[in-house]
Amino acid sequence: MFAATVLALLIFYVRLRIHQRLEHLRLQDIRQKAELERALAAAQEVDQLKDDLISTVSHELRTPLTSLLGFTELMLERDFPPARQRDLLGIMHRESQRLTNLINNFLDLQSITTGQPRYHFTETQLTPLLHEAVSVFSQSDGKHEWKLSIPDALPSIRIDTERIQQVLANLVSNAVKFSPEAGTITVGAELQQAEIKVWVADQGIGIPAEALPNLFSKFFRVDNNETRTIGGTGLGLALVKEIIEAHHGQIWVESALGKGSTFFFTLPATSQSLAHGERPFAESA
């Protein structure tokens, strides 16, 4: 009787171990399949990114290059009066700047995609950067009314200055580009608790509601009759999002078709500045 009991327990133990082993193998198989699916999805995403990049490069880079070649050949073949030469050189300069911006976007995308973006954080004031962004674009823009809405004082922030300048330039240039019928462009900032909230608002064509969830995705562009002629790589807002998140901030947009868009982003204020009681107390337009 004792031997039978021991044998039964032994058989039960063996069966239990076999069941546990089979369950372990089943779970391991599930994990391996999940990892394989993730790797496959990542590979497909890389392939799609490559295809989108090739498509964007072939389309977006061709336009400024064609303009530069065309105007260069024109100036080499014909003699123009000084005023006309300045006009042509101005066009060539703008197309060169456009080409430079495109290449910089591609390089930034590569560094972010490979997980090696470089940031150089220093403590600085945001107000001069906002003034500079408005000054640069308002001087070259003759259609819009410009408004700067910022407090008399803002706490200092720890940022990569060049990257935040890139964010502001992208958002302000988009405001100009997507409000072709003039209107007011407002750049503003305010302190909310321990964050500085910045916004860029326009009175342009607006963004369809269905496009908002994908607006900050790489290579995404709103495709309708109004935006199709404006062009773009679909990289700018994706890079802006990466930069703001690298600063531990958030970015979002509010928009209505035919009424305009407002892009917001936040940046943490430094604890030292807040401790010294720096607070906004008056707003100027």
C-alpha atoms as a PDB file:
ATOM      1  CA  MET A   1       0.000   0.000   0.000  1.00  0.00           C
ATOM      2  CA  PHE A   2       2.788   2.437   0.890  1.00  0.00           C
ATOM      3  CA  ALA A   3       4.645   1.561  -2.293  1.00  0.00           C
ATOM      4  CA  ALA A   4       1.527   2.182  -4.378  1.00  0.00           C
ATOM      5  CA  THR A   5       1.056   5.560  -2.723  1.00  0.00           C
ATOM      6  CA  VAL A   6       4.662   6.529  -3.372  1.00  0.00           C
ATOM      7  CA  LEU A   7       4.368   5.404  -6.984  1.00  0.00           C
ATOM      8  CA  ALA A   8       1.179   7.441  -7.434  1.00  0.00           C
ATOM      9  CA  LEU A   9       2.843  10.521  -5.971  1.00  0.00           C
ATOM     10  CA  LEU A  10       5.856   9.988  -8.188  1.00  0.00           C
ATOM     11  CA  ILE A  11       3.687   9.709 -11.278  1.00  0.00           C
ATOM     12  CA  PHE A  12       1.770  12.838 -10.248  1.00  0.00           C
ATOM     13  CA  TYR A  13       5.028  14.715  -9.706  1.00  0.00           C
ATOM     14  CA  VAL A  14       6.387  13.615 -13.101  1.00  0.00           C
ATOM     15  CA  ARG A  15       3.159  14.647 -14.817  1.00  0.00           C
ATOM     16  CA  LEU A  16       3.225  17.969 -13.005  1.00  0.00           C
ATOM     17  CA  ARG A  17       6.793  18.625 -14.074  1.00  0.00           C
ATOM     18  CA  ILE A  18       5.980  17.667 -17.653  1.00  0.00           C
ATOM     19  CA  HIS A  19       2.970  19.998 -17.602  1.00  0.00           C
ATOM     20  CA  GLN A  20       5.058  22.810 -16.149  1.00  0.00           C
ATOM     21  CA  ARG A  21       7.734  22.251 -18.770  1.00  0.00           C
ATOM     22  CA  LEU A  22       5.198  22.227 -21.586  1.00  0.00           C
ATOM     23  CA  GLU A  23       3.607  25.396 -20.210  1.00  0.00           C
ATOM     24  CA  HIS A  24       7.039  27.032 -20.005  1.00  0.00           C
ATOM     25  CA  LEU A  25       7.744  26.057 -23.611  1.00  0.00           C
ATOM     26  CA  ARG A  26       4.332  27.364 -24.680  1.00  0.00           C
ATOM     27  CA  LEU A  27       4.910  30.732 -22.985  1.00  0.00           C
ATOM     28  CA  GLN A  28       8.429  30.882 -24.412  1.00  0.00           C
ATOM     29  CA  ASP A  29       7.009  30.196 -27.862  1.00  0.00           C
ATOM     30  CA  ILE A  30       4.458  32.998 -27.381  1.00  0.00           C
ATOM     31  CA  ARG A  31       7.194  35.416 -26.312  1.00  0.00           C
ATOM     32  CA  GLN A  32       9.389  34.447 -29.248  1.00  0.00           C
ATOM     33  CA  LYS A  33       6.485  34.903 -31.650  1.00  0.00           C
ATOM     34  CA  ALA A  34       5.729  38.322 -30.111  1.00  0.00           C
ATOM     35  CA  GLU A  35       9.385  39.364 -30.413  1.00  0.00           C
ATOM     36  CA  LEU A  36       9.441  38.138 -34.005  1.00  0.00           C
ATOM     37  CA  GLU A  37       6.279  40.111 -34.779  1.00  0.00           C
ATOM     38  CA  ARG A  38       7.784  43.234 -33.191  1.00  0.00           C
ATOM     39  CA  ALA A  39      10.997  42.781 -35.173  1.00  0.00           C
ATOM     40  CA  LEU A  40       8.977  42.267 -38.359  1.00  0.00           C
ATOM     41  CA  ALA A  41       6.885  45.368 -37.649  1.00  0.00           C
ATOM     42  CA  ALA A  42      10.058  47.384 -36.996  1.00  0.00           C
ATOM     43  CA  ALA A  43      11.587  46.140 -40.245  1.00  0.00           C
ATOM     44  CA  GLN A  44       8.420  47.045 -42.132  1.00  0.00           C
ATOM     45  CA  GLU A  45       8.432  50.490 -40.523  1.00  0.00           C
ATOM     46  CA  VAL A  46      12.050  50.992 -41.585  1.00  0.00           C
ATOM     47  CA  ASP A  47      11.191  49.897 -45.136  1.00  0.00           C
ATOM     48  CA  GLN A  48       8.235  52.280 -45.215  1.00  0.00           C
ATOM     49  CA  LEU A  49      10.394  55.072 -43.811  1.00  0.00           C
ATOM     50  CA  LYS A  50      12.969  54.398 -46.510  1.00  0.00           C
ATOM     51  CA  ASP A  51      10.315  54.454 -49.238  1.00  0.00           C
ATOM     52  CA  ASP A  52       8.801  57.656 -47.861  1.00  0.00           C
ATOM     53  CA  LEU A  53      12.229  59.241 -47.610  1.00  0.00           C
ATOM     54  CA  ILE A  54      13.108  58.367 -51.210  1.00  0.00           C
ATOM     55  CA  SER A  55       9.745  59.671 -52.409  1.00  0.00           C
ATOM     56  CA  THR A  56      10.091  62.886 -50.434  1.00  0.00           C
ATOM     57  CA  VAL A  57      13.697  63.483 -51.451  1.00  0.00           C
ATOM     58  CA  SER A  58      12.950  62.925 -55.130  1.00  0.00           C
ATOM     59  CA  HIS A  59      10.006  65.326 -55.017  1.00  0.00           C
ATOM     60  CA  GLU A  60      11.000  68.034 -52.559  1.00  0.00           C
ATOM     61  CA  LEU A  61      14.678  68.368 -53.467  1.00  0.00           C
ATOM     62  CA  ARG A  62      14.009  68.447 -57.185  1.00  0.00           C
ATOM     63  CA  THR A  63      12.041  71.716 -57.028  1.00  0.00           C
ATOM     64  CA  PRO A  64      14.709  73.993 -55.479  1.00  0.00           C
ATOM     65  CA  LEU A  65      17.470  72.324 -57.491  1.00  0.00           C
ATOM     66  CA  THR A  66      15.541  72.881 -60.717  1.00  0.00           C
ATOM     67  CA  SER A  67      14.981  76.537 -59.798  1.00  0.00           C
ATOM     68  CA  LEU A  68      18.646  77.082 -58.935  1.00  0.00           C
ATOM     69  CA  LEU A  69      19.845  75.475 -62.162  1.00  0.00           C
ATOM     70  CA  GLY A  70      17.296  77.370 -64.252  1.00  0.00           C
ATOM     71  CA  PHE A  71      18.029  80.821 -62.833  1.00  0.00           C
ATOM     72  CA  THR A  72      21.788  80.204 -62.882  1.00  0.00           C
ATOM     73  CA  GLU A  73      21.683  79.284 -66.574  1.00  0.00           C
ATOM     74  CA  LEU A  74      19.465  82.296 -67.259  1.00  0.00           C
ATOM     75  CA  MET A  75      21.906  84.703 -65.624  1.00  0.00           C
ATOM     76  CA  LEU A  76      24.863  83.131 -67.423  1.00  0.00           C
ATOM     77  CA  GLU A  77      23.178  83.373 -70.830  1.00  0.00           C
ATOM     78  CA  ARG A  78      21.682  86.873 -70.598  1.00  0.00           C
ATOM     79  CA  ASP A  79      22.657  90.289 -69.306  1.00  0.00           C
ATOM     80  CA  PHE A  80      20.091  91.729 -66.915  1.00  0.00           C
ATOM     81  CA  PRO A  81      19.906  95.198 -65.376  1.00  0.00           C
ATOM     82  CA  PRO A  82      21.021  95.385 -61.725  1.00  0.00           C
ATOM     83  CA  ALA A  83      17.453  95.488 -60.359  1.00  0.00           C
ATOM     84  CA  ARG A  84      16.476  92.325 -62.219  1.00  0.00           C
ATOM     85  CA  GLN A  85      19.698  90.644 -61.141  1.00  0.00           C
ATOM     86  CA  ARG A  86      18.844  91.358 -57.508  1.00  0.00           C
ATOM     87  CA  ASP A  87      15.388  89.842 -58.001  1.00  0.00           C
ATOM     88  CA  LEU A  88      16.840  86.683 -59.523  1.00  0.00           C
ATOM     89  CA  LEU A  89      19.531  86.417 -56.849  1.00  0.00           C
ATOM     90  CA  GLY A  90      16.871  86.835 -54.184  1.00  0.00           C
ATOM     91  CA  ILE A  91      14.928  83.915 -55.637  1.00  0.00           C
ATOM     92  CA  MET A  92      18.093  81.831 -55.803  1.00  0.00           C
ATOM     93  CA  HIS A  93      18.922  82.701 -52.191  1.00  0.00           C
ATOM     94  CA  ARG A  94      15.445  81.632 -51.014  1.00  0.00           C
ATOM     95  CA  GLU A  95      15.664  78.375 -52.952  1.00  0.00           C
ATOM     96  CA  SER A  96      19.146  77.732 -51.522  1.00  0.00           C
ATOM     97  CA  GLN A  97      17.797  78.326 -48.007  1.00  0.00           C
ATOM     98  CA  ARG A  98      14.916  75.998 -48.732  1.00  0.00           C
ATOM     99  CA  LEU A  99      17.332  73.329 -49.915  1.00  0.00           C
ATOM    100  CA  THR A 100      19.469  73.810 -46.806  1.00  0.00           C
ATOM    101  CA  ASN A 101      16.433  73.445 -44.546  1.00  0.00           C
ATOM    102  CA  LEU A 102      15.396  70.247 -46.303  1.00  0.00           C
ATOM    103  CA  ILE A 103      18.846  68.724 -45.910  1.00  0.00           C
ATOM    104  CA  ASN A 104      18.994  69.752 -42.248  1.00  0.00           C
ATOM    105  CA  ASN A 105      15.616  68.113 -41.655  1.00  0.00           C
ATOM    106  CA  PHE A 106      16.839  64.880 -43.221  1.00  0.00           C
ATOM    107  CA  LEU A 107      20.019  64.935 -41.123  1.00  0.00           C
ATOM    108  CA  ASP A 108      18.018  65.622 -37.952  1.00  0.00           C
ATOM    109  CA  LEU A 109      15.657  62.793 -38.823  1.00  0.00           C
ATOM    110  CA  GLN A 110      18.583  60.426 -39.283  1.00  0.00           C
ATOM    111  CA  SER A 111      20.116  61.323 -35.909  1.00  0.00           C
ATOM    112  CA  ILE A 112      16.768  60.908 -34.137  1.00  0.00           C
ATOM    113  CA  THR A 113      15.910  57.660 -35.924  1.00  0.00           C
ATOM    114  CA  THR A 114      19.275  56.139 -35.003  1.00  0.00           C
ATOM    115  CA  GLY A 115      18.788  57.217 -31.398  1.00  0.00           C
ATOM    116  CA  GLN A 116      21.751  59.591 -31.428  1.00  0.00           C
ATOM    117  CA  PRO A 117      20.344  63.133 -31.342  1.00  0.00           C
ATOM    118  CA  ARG A 118      22.765  65.637 -29.809  1.00  0.00           C
ATOM    119  CA  TYR A 119      21.517  68.260 -27.378  1.00  0.00           C
ATOM    120  CA  HIS A 120      23.478  70.949 -25.542  1.00  0.00           C
ATOM    121  CA  PHE A 121      21.403  72.248 -22.647  1.00  0.00           C
ATOM    122  CA  THR A 122      22.134  75.610 -21.041  1.00  0.00           C
ATOM    123  CA  GLU A 123      20.092  77.850 -18.764  1.00  0.00           C
ATOM    124  CA  THR A 124      18.759  80.794 -20.699  1.00  0.00           C
ATOM    125  CA  GLN A 125      15.849  83.174 -21.215  1.00  0.00           C
ATOM    126  CA  LEU A 126      13.113  82.360 -23.710  1.00  0.00           C
ATOM    127  CA  THR A 127      11.927  85.933 -24.343  1.00  0.00           C
ATOM    128  CA  PRO A 128      14.800  86.937 -26.700  1.00  0.00           C
ATOM    129  CA  LEU A 129      14.184  83.818 -28.791  1.00  0.00           C
ATOM    130  CA  LEU A 130      10.506  84.726 -29.202  1.00  0.00           C
ATOM    131  CA  HIS A 131      11.399  88.296 -30.198  1.00  0.00           C
ATOM    132  CA  GLU A 132      13.952  86.990 -32.688  1.00  0.00           C
ATOM    133  CA  ALA A 133      11.504  84.551 -34.295  1.00  0.00           C
ATOM    134  CA  VAL A 134       8.914  87.281 -34.834  1.00  0.00           C
ATOM    135  CA  SER A 135      11.523  89.776 -36.058  1.00  0.00           C
ATOM    136  CA  VAL A 136      13.075  87.407 -38.609  1.00  0.00           C
ATOM    137  CA  PHE A 137       9.805  86.373 -40.223  1.00  0.00           C
ATOM    138  CA  SER A 138       7.961  89.688 -40.002  1.00  0.00           C
ATOM    139  CA  GLN A 139      10.767  91.479 -41.851  1.00  0.00           C
ATOM    140  CA  SER A 140      10.478  89.148 -44.836  1.00  0.00           C
ATOM    141  CA  ASP A 141       6.673  88.944 -44.740  1.00  0.00           C
ATOM    142  CA  GLY A 142       4.589  91.783 -46.069  1.00  0.00           C
ATOM    143  CA  LYS A 143       1.132  90.233 -45.820  1.00  0.00           C
ATOM    144  CA  HIS A 144       0.440  89.464 -42.180  1.00  0.00           C
ATOM    145  CA  GLU A 145      -0.066  91.454 -39.020  1.00  0.00           C
ATOM    146  CA  TRP A 146       2.289  90.254 -36.289  1.00  0.00           C
ATOM    147  CA  LYS A 147       1.596  90.171 -32.576  1.00  0.00           C
ATOM    148  CA  LEU A 148       3.913  89.217 -29.720  1.00  0.00           C
ATOM    149  CA  SER A 149       2.050  88.366 -26.526  1.00  0.00           C
ATOM    150  CA  ILE A 150       4.492  87.703 -23.690  1.00  0.00           C
ATOM    151  CA  PRO A 151       4.850  88.733 -20.024  1.00  0.00           C
ATOM    152  CA  ASP A 152       7.303  91.354 -18.868  1.00  0.00           C
ATOM    153  CA  ALA A 153       9.204  88.571 -17.089  1.00  0.00           C
ATOM    154  CA  LEU A 154       9.528  84.827 -17.556  1.00  0.00           C
ATOM    155  CA  PRO A 155      11.625  82.401 -15.492  1.00  0.00           C
ATOM    156  CA  SER A 156      14.760  81.021 -17.058  1.00  0.00           C
ATOM    157  CA  ILE A 157      14.683  77.609 -18.685  1.00  0.00           C
ATOM    158  CA  ARG A 158      17.258  74.938 -19.423  1.00  0.00           C
ATOM    159  CA  ILE A 159      17.164  74.243 -23.150  1.00  0.00           C
ATOM    160  CA  ASP A 160      19.195  73.564 -26.245  1.00  0.00           C
ATOM    161  CA  THR A 161      18.897  77.076 -27.692  1.00  0.00           C
ATOM    162  CA  GLU A 162      19.462  76.099 -31.320  1.00  0.00           C
ATOM    163  CA  ARG A 163      16.883  73.313 -31.114  1.00  0.00           C
ATOM    164  CA  ILE A 164      14.212  75.585 -29.624  1.00  0.00           C
ATOM    165  CA  GLN A 165      15.024  78.169 -32.302  1.00  0.00           C
ATOM    166  CA  GLN A 166      14.414  75.385 -34.808  1.00  0.00           C
ATOM    167  CA  VAL A 167      11.043  74.644 -33.184  1.00  0.00           C
ATOM    168  CA  LEU A 168       9.994  78.295 -33.297  1.00  0.00           C
ATOM    169  CA  ALA A 169      11.184  78.740 -36.888  1.00  0.00           C
ATOM    170  CA  ASN A 170       9.244  75.684 -37.991  1.00  0.00           C
ATOM    171  CA  LEU A 171       5.999  76.693 -36.287  1.00  0.00           C
ATOM    172  CA  VAL A 172       6.195  80.340 -37.366  1.00  0.00           C
ATOM    173  CA  SER A 173       7.076  79.467 -40.964  1.00  0.00           C
ATOM    174  CA  ASN A 174       4.130  77.061 -41.041  1.00  0.00           C
ATOM    175  CA  ALA A 175       1.867  79.825 -39.751  1.00  0.00           C
ATOM    176  CA  VAL A 176       2.997  82.029 -42.632  1.00  0.00           C
ATOM    177  CA  LYS A 177       2.803  79.255 -45.192  1.00  0.00           C
ATOM    178  CA  PHE A 178      -0.646  78.010 -44.239  1.00  0.00           C
ATOM    179  CA  SER A 179      -2.281  81.413 -43.962  1.00  0.00           C
ATOM    180  CA  PRO A 180      -1.799  82.651 -47.543  1.00  0.00           C
ATOM    181  CA  GLU A 181      -4.684  85.145 -47.306  1.00  0.00           C
ATOM    182  CA  ALA A 182      -2.928  87.292 -44.689  1.00  0.00           C
ATOM    183  CA  GLY A 183      -4.447  87.713 -41.207  1.00  0.00           C
ATOM    184  CA  THR A 184      -2.739  87.943 -37.820  1.00  0.00           C
ATOM    185  CA  ILE A 185       0.053  85.678 -36.602  1.00  0.00           C
ATOM    186  CA  THR A 186       0.533  85.651 -32.850  1.00  0.00           C
ATOM    187  CA  VAL A 187       3.499  84.297 -30.924  1.00  0.00           C
ATOM    188  CA  GLY A 188       2.858  84.126 -27.198  1.00  0.00           C
ATOM    189  CA  ALA A 189       4.063  82.671 -23.929  1.00  0.00           C
ATOM    190  CA  GLU A 190       2.946  82.472 -20.315  1.00  0.00           C
ATOM    191  CA  LEU A 191       3.932  80.745 -17.100  1.00  0.00           C
ATOM    192  CA  GLN A 192       1.616  77.979 -15.921  1.00  0.00           C
ATOM    193  CA  GLN A 193       2.700  76.527 -12.597  1.00  0.00           C
ATOM    194  CA  ALA A 194       6.190  75.087 -13.225  1.00  0.00           C
ATOM    195  CA  GLU A 195       6.005  75.255 -17.036  1.00  0.00           C
ATOM    196  CA  ILE A 196       6.220  77.894 -19.708  1.00  0.00           C
ATOM    197  CA  LYS A 197       3.535  77.463 -22.338  1.00  0.00           C
ATOM    198  CA  VAL A 198       4.345  78.850 -25.793  1.00  0.00           C
ATOM    199  CA  TRP A 199       1.959  79.165 -28.708  1.00  0.00           C
ATOM    200  CA  VAL A 200       1.979  80.184 -32.365  1.00  0.00           C
ATOM    201  CA  ALA A 201      -1.442  81.085 -33.768  1.00  0.00           C
ATOM    202  CA  ASP A 202      -2.544  81.933 -37.286  1.00  0.00           C
ATOM    203  CA  GLN A 203      -5.817  82.756 -39.027  1.00  0.00           C
ATOM    204  CA  GLY A 204      -5.165  80.514 -42.012  1.00  0.00           C
ATOM    205  CA  ILE A 205      -6.755  77.571 -43.722  1.00  0.00           C
ATOM    206  CA  GLY A 206      -6.852  75.339 -40.644  1.00  0.00           C
ATOM    207  CA  ILE A 207      -6.442  71.566 -40.338  1.00  0.00           C
ATOM    208  CA  PRO A 208      -9.159  68.918 -40.880  1.00  0.00           C
ATOM    209  CA  ALA A 209     -10.158  67.123 -37.677  1.00  0.00           C
ATOM    210  CA  GLU A 210      -9.337  63.714 -39.156  1.00  0.00           C
ATOM    211  CA  ALA A 211      -5.749  64.806 -39.822  1.00  0.00           C
ATOM    212  CA  LEU A 212      -4.963  65.986 -36.280  1.00  0.00           C
ATOM    213  CA  PRO A 213      -4.062  62.551 -34.774  1.00  0.00           C
ATOM    214  CA  ASN A 214      -1.361  62.005 -37.438  1.00  0.00           C
ATOM    215  CA  LEU A 215      -0.095  65.562 -37.693  1.00  0.00           C
ATOM    216  CA  PHE A 216       3.174  64.917 -35.820  1.00  0.00           C
ATOM    217  CA  SER A 217       3.967  61.647 -37.625  1.00  0.00           C
ATOM    218  CA  LYS A 218       6.968  61.415 -39.955  1.00  0.00           C
ATOM    219  CA  PHE A 219       6.183  62.249 -43.586  1.00  0.00           C
ATOM    220  CA  PHE A 220       2.512  62.957 -42.857  1.00  0.00           C
ATOM    221  CA  ARG A 221       1.047  65.782 -44.894  1.00  0.00           C
ATOM    222  CA  VAL A 222      -2.521  67.015 -45.042  1.00  0.00           C
ATOM    223  CA  ASP A 223      -3.705  66.208 -48.538  1.00  0.00           C
ATOM    224  CA  ASN A 224      -6.383  68.520 -49.899  1.00  0.00           C
ATOM    225  CA  ASN A 225      -6.729  71.112 -52.626  1.00  0.00           C
ATOM    226  CA  GLU A 226      -5.452  73.971 -50.463  1.00  0.00           C
ATOM    227  CA  THR A 227      -2.358  72.227 -49.074  1.00  0.00           C
ATOM    228  CA  ARG A 228      -1.349  70.340 -52.214  1.00  0.00           C
ATOM    229  CA  THR A 229       0.188  73.427 -53.809  1.00  0.00           C
ATOM    230  CA  ILE A 230       2.020  74.432 -50.615  1.00  0.00           C
ATOM    231  CA  GLY A 231       4.223  71.327 -50.467  1.00  0.00           C
ATOM    232  CA  GLY A 232       6.555  70.249 -47.691  1.00  0.00           C
ATOM    233  CA  THR A 233       8.362  67.135 -46.522  1.00  0.00           C
ATOM    234  CA  GLY A 234       6.130  66.140 -43.638  1.00  0.00           C
ATOM    235  CA  LEU A 235       9.223  66.105 -41.422  1.00  0.00           C
ATOM    236  CA  GLY A 236       9.069  69.473 -39.679  1.00  0.00           C
ATOM    237  CA  LEU A 237       6.384  68.746 -37.090  1.00  0.00           C
ATOM    238  CA  ALA A 238       7.755  65.273 -36.390  1.00  0.00           C
ATOM    239  CA  LEU A 239      11.135  66.824 -35.587  1.00  0.00           C
ATOM    240  CA  VAL A 240       9.490  69.536 -33.483  1.00  0.00           C
ATOM    241  CA  LYS A 241       7.728  66.858 -31.434  1.00  0.00           C
ATOM    242  CA  GLU A 242      10.984  64.955 -30.886  1.00  0.00           C
ATOM    243  CA  ILE A 243      12.760  68.141 -29.752  1.00  0.00           C
ATOM    244  CA  ILE A 244      10.025  69.201 -27.333  1.00  0.00           C
ATOM    245  CA  GLU A 245       9.791  65.732 -25.810  1.00  0.00           C
ATOM    246  CA  ALA A 246      13.573  65.668 -25.409  1.00  0.00           C
ATOM    247  CA  HIS A 247      13.095  68.827 -23.308  1.00  0.00           C
ATOM    248  CA  HIS A 248      10.472  67.000 -21.183  1.00  0.00           C
ATOM    249  CA  GLY A 249       7.719  69.151 -22.661  1.00  0.00           C
ATOM    250  CA  GLN A 250       4.518  68.496 -24.572  1.00  0.00           C
ATOM    251  CA  ILE A 251       3.177  69.757 -27.901  1.00  0.00           C
ATOM    252  CA  TRP A 252      -0.341  69.843 -29.291  1.00  0.00           C
ATOM    253  CA  VAL A 253      -2.518  71.751 -31.748  1.00  0.00           C
ATOM    254  CA  GLU A 254      -5.996  73.237 -31.847  1.00  0.00           C
ATOM    255  CA  SER A 255      -7.443  74.007 -35.248  1.00  0.00           C
ATOM    256  CA  ALA A 256     -10.629  74.665 -37.183  1.00  0.00           C
ATOM    257  CA  LEU A 257     -10.997  74.596 -40.960  1.00  0.00           C
ATOM    258  CA  GLY A 258     -11.097  78.080 -42.425  1.00  0.00           C
ATOM    259  CA  LYS A 259     -10.341  79.741 -39.080  1.00  0.00           C
ATOM    260  CA  GLY A 260      -6.705  78.902 -38.428  1.00  0.00           C
ATOM    261  CA  SER A 261      -4.491  76.824 -36.150  1.00  0.00           C
ATOM    262  CA  THR A 262      -2.727  77.310 -32.846  1.00  0.00           C
ATOM    263  CA  PHE A 263       0.266  75.179 -31.943  1.00  0.00           C
ATOM    264  CA  PHE A 264       1.169  74.944 -28.259  1.00  0.00           C
ATOM    265  CA  PHE A 265       4.222  73.532 -26.523  1.00  0.00           C
ATOM    266  CA  THR A 266       5.481  73.540 -22.960  1.00  0.00           C
ATOM    267  CA  LEU A 267       8.963  73.765 -21.476  1.00  0.00           C
ATOM    268  CA  PRO A 268       9.788  73.161 -17.803  1.00  0.00           C
ATOM    269  CA  ALA A 269      10.935  76.280 -15.945  1.00  0.00           C
ATOM    270  CA  THR A 270      14.053  75.799 -13.860  1.00  0.00           C
ATOM    271  CA  SER A 271      13.417  75.179 -10.171  1.00  0.00           C
ATOM    272  CA  GLN A 272      15.994  77.837  -9.217  1.00  0.00           C
ATOM    273  CA  SER A 273      14.121  80.578 -11.074  1.00  0.00           C
ATOM    274  CA  LEU A 274      10.795  79.564  -9.566  1.00  0.00           C
ATOM    275  CA  ALA A 275      12.349  79.527  -6.103  1.00  0.00           C
ATOM    276  CA  HIS A 276      13.397  83.163  -6.586  1.00  0.00           C
ATOM    277  CA  GLY A 277       9.794  84.063  -7.272  1.00  0.00           C
ATOM    278  CA  GLU A 278      10.093  85.085 -10.929  1.00  0.00           C
ATOM    279  CA  ARG A 279       6.527  85.454 -12.171  1.00  0.00           C
ATOM    280  CA  PRO A 280       4.915  87.216 -15.124  1.00  0.00           C
ATOM    281  CA  PHE A 281       2.924  90.256 -14.131  1.00  0.00           C
ATOM    282  CA  ALA A 282       2.068  92.168 -17.320  1.00  0.00           C
ATOM    283  CA  GLU A 283       1.391  91.254 -20.913  1.00  0.00           C
ATOM    284  CA  SER A 284       2.323  93.326 -23.941  1.00  0.00           C
ATOM    285  CA  ALA A 285       1.124  92.961 -27.476  1.00  0.00           C
END
